């Protein structure tokens, strides 16, 4: 990820978490200036309703892999009528 080679900046990347590969995880391990936020829009039923069936499990799996690889990570949420009570 060429952009992350600029050590004078800190990057916060936001993703739906569904298309990550082992190659990307391995490359991210070499950068200390970035954080990956995975979009989670609620529990599985709400998230899959907003995104698509199966998206929640893929996003959670990506979060688990990021955490297990000690890559800075977090969750990004868009508040909507579907996920706010």
C-alpha atoms as a PDB file:
ATOM      1  CA  UNK A   1       0.000   0.000   0.000  1.00  0.00           C
ATOM      2  CA  UNK A   2       2.093   2.828  -1.368  1.00  0.00           C
ATOM      3  CA  UNK A   3       0.229   5.637   0.386  1.00  0.00           C
ATOM      4  CA  UNK A   4       1.189   4.326   3.821  1.00  0.00           C
ATOM      5  CA  UNK A   5       4.896   4.685   3.098  1.00  0.00           C
ATOM      6  CA  UNK A   6       4.636   8.389   4.014  1.00  0.00           C
ATOM      7  CA  UNK A   7       5.740   8.149   7.650  1.00  0.00           C
ATOM      8  CA  UNK A   8       4.979  11.834   8.236  1.00  0.00           C
ATOM      9  CA  UNK A   9       1.246  11.057   8.264  1.00  0.00           C
ATOM     10  CA  UNK A  10      -1.147   8.865  10.194  1.00  0.00           C
ATOM     11  CA  UNK A  11      -3.808   7.088   8.155  1.00  0.00           C
ATOM     12  CA  UNK A  12      -7.230   5.837   9.146  1.00  0.00           C
ATOM     13  CA  UNK A  13      -8.566   3.475   6.484  1.00  0.00           C
ATOM     14  CA  UNK A  14     -12.276   2.644   6.489  1.00  0.00           C
ATOM     15  CA  UNK A  15     -13.541  -0.532   4.829  1.00  0.00           C
ATOM     16  CA  UNK A  16     -16.534  -2.829   4.784  1.00  0.00           C
ATOM     17  CA  UNK A  17     -14.089  -5.628   5.587  1.00  0.00           C
ATOM     18  CA  UNK A  18     -15.207  -8.059   2.898  1.00  0.00           C
ATOM     19  CA  UNK A  19     -12.344  -8.069   0.367  1.00  0.00           C
ATOM     20  CA  UNK A  20      -9.210  -8.304   2.520  1.00  0.00           C
ATOM     21  CA  UNK A  21      -6.554 -10.875   1.658  1.00  0.00           C
ATOM     22  CA  UNK A  22      -3.665 -12.448   3.566  1.00  0.00           C
ATOM     23  CA  UNK A  23      -1.266 -10.459   1.349  1.00  0.00           C
ATOM     24  CA  UNK A  24      -2.842  -7.183   2.504  1.00  0.00           C
ATOM     25  CA  UNK A  25      -2.734  -8.264   6.171  1.00  0.00           C
ATOM     26  CA  UNK A  26       0.950  -9.141   5.842  1.00  0.00           C
ATOM     27  CA  UNK A  27       1.768  -5.788   4.252  1.00  0.00           C
ATOM     28  CA  UNK A  28      -0.172  -3.850   6.882  1.00  0.00           C
ATOM     29  CA  UNK A  29       1.928  -5.458   9.611  1.00  0.00           C
ATOM     30  CA  UNK A  30       4.901  -3.400   8.439  1.00  0.00           C
ATOM     31  CA  UNK A  31       3.167  -0.042   8.981  1.00  0.00           C
ATOM     32  CA  UNK A  32       2.776   1.621  12.356  1.00  0.00           C
ATOM     33  CA  UNK A  33       1.125   4.764  10.987  1.00  0.00           C
ATOM     34  CA  UNK A  34      -2.299   3.397  10.133  1.00  0.00           C
ATOM     35  CA  UNK A  35      -5.486   2.140  11.688  1.00  0.00           C
ATOM     36  CA  UNK A  36      -8.114   0.071   9.900  1.00  0.00           C
ATOM     37  CA  UNK A  37     -11.746   0.788  10.736  1.00  0.00           C
ATOM     38  CA  UNK A  38     -14.278  -1.824   9.696  1.00  0.00           C
ATOM     39  CA  UNK A  39     -17.849  -0.664   9.116  1.00  0.00           C
ATOM     40  CA  UNK A  40     -20.344  -2.468  11.347  1.00  0.00           C
ATOM     41  CA  UNK A  41     -23.913  -1.146  11.168  1.00  0.00           C
ATOM     42  CA  UNK A  42     -25.453  -3.115  14.031  1.00  0.00           C
ATOM     43  CA  UNK A  43     -25.983  -6.762  14.839  1.00  0.00           C
ATOM     44  CA  UNK A  44     -25.855  -9.386  12.112  1.00  0.00           C
ATOM     45  CA  UNK A  45     -29.497  -9.013  11.032  1.00  0.00           C
ATOM     46  CA  UNK A  46     -29.343  -5.213  10.711  1.00  0.00           C
ATOM     47  CA  UNK A  47     -25.854  -5.161   9.194  1.00  0.00           C
ATOM     48  CA  UNK A  48     -26.758  -7.737   6.542  1.00  0.00           C
ATOM     49  CA  UNK A  49     -30.031  -5.917   5.815  1.00  0.00           C
ATOM     50  CA  UNK A  50     -28.125  -2.667   5.169  1.00  0.00           C
ATOM     51  CA  UNK A  51     -25.140  -4.215   3.331  1.00  0.00           C
ATOM     52  CA  UNK A  52     -25.897  -7.726   2.034  1.00  0.00           C
ATOM     53  CA  UNK A  53     -26.360 -11.238   3.389  1.00  0.00           C
ATOM     54  CA  UNK A  54     -23.104 -12.570   4.804  1.00  0.00           C
ATOM     55  CA  UNK A  55     -21.392  -9.186   5.080  1.00  0.00           C
ATOM     56  CA  UNK A  56     -21.503  -9.177   8.888  1.00  0.00           C
ATOM     57  CA  UNK A  57     -19.624 -12.465   9.253  1.00  0.00           C
ATOM     58  CA  UNK A  58     -16.977 -11.333   6.743  1.00  0.00           C
ATOM     59  CA  UNK A  59     -16.510  -8.023   8.561  1.00  0.00           C
ATOM     60  CA  UNK A  60     -16.197  -9.730  11.955  1.00  0.00           C
ATOM     61  CA  UNK A  61     -13.696 -12.237  10.546  1.00  0.00           C
ATOM     62  CA  UNK A  62     -11.617  -9.358   9.157  1.00  0.00           C
ATOM     63  CA  UNK A  63     -11.680  -7.614  12.560  1.00  0.00           C
ATOM     64  CA  UNK A  64     -10.518 -10.816  14.256  1.00  0.00           C
ATOM     65  CA  UNK A  65      -7.645 -11.281  11.784  1.00  0.00           C
ATOM     66  CA  UNK A  66      -6.565  -7.649  12.145  1.00  0.00           C
ATOM     67  CA  UNK A  67      -6.565  -7.967  15.935  1.00  0.00           C
ATOM     68  CA  UNK A  68      -4.703 -11.283  15.887  1.00  0.00           C
ATOM     69  CA  UNK A  69      -2.023  -9.657  13.705  1.00  0.00           C
ATOM     70  CA  UNK A  70      -1.707  -6.702  16.114  1.00  0.00           C
ATOM     71  CA  UNK A  71      -2.886  -4.270  13.456  1.00  0.00           C
ATOM     72  CA  UNK A  72      -4.552  -1.207  14.953  1.00  0.00           C
ATOM     73  CA  UNK A  73      -8.247  -1.580  14.297  1.00  0.00           C
ATOM     74  CA  UNK A  74     -11.649  -0.320  15.284  1.00  0.00           C
ATOM     75  CA  UNK A  75     -15.256  -0.061  14.186  1.00  0.00           C
ATOM     76  CA  UNK A  76     -16.908   2.631  12.093  1.00  0.00           C
ATOM     77  CA  UNK A  77     -20.675   2.974  12.307  1.00  0.00           C
ATOM     78  CA  UNK A  78     -23.163   5.066  10.369  1.00  0.00           C
ATOM     79  CA  UNK A  79     -26.163   5.869  12.548  1.00  0.00           C
ATOM     80  CA  UNK A  80     -29.496   5.304  10.845  1.00  0.00           C
ATOM     81  CA  UNK A  81     -33.127   4.567  11.726  1.00  0.00           C
ATOM     82  CA  UNK A  82     -32.343   0.865  11.253  1.00  0.00           C
ATOM     83  CA  UNK A  83     -29.647   0.635  13.927  1.00  0.00           C
ATOM     84  CA  UNK A  84     -30.487   3.370  16.474  1.00  0.00           C
ATOM     85  CA  UNK A  85     -33.108   2.838  19.134  1.00  0.00           C
END
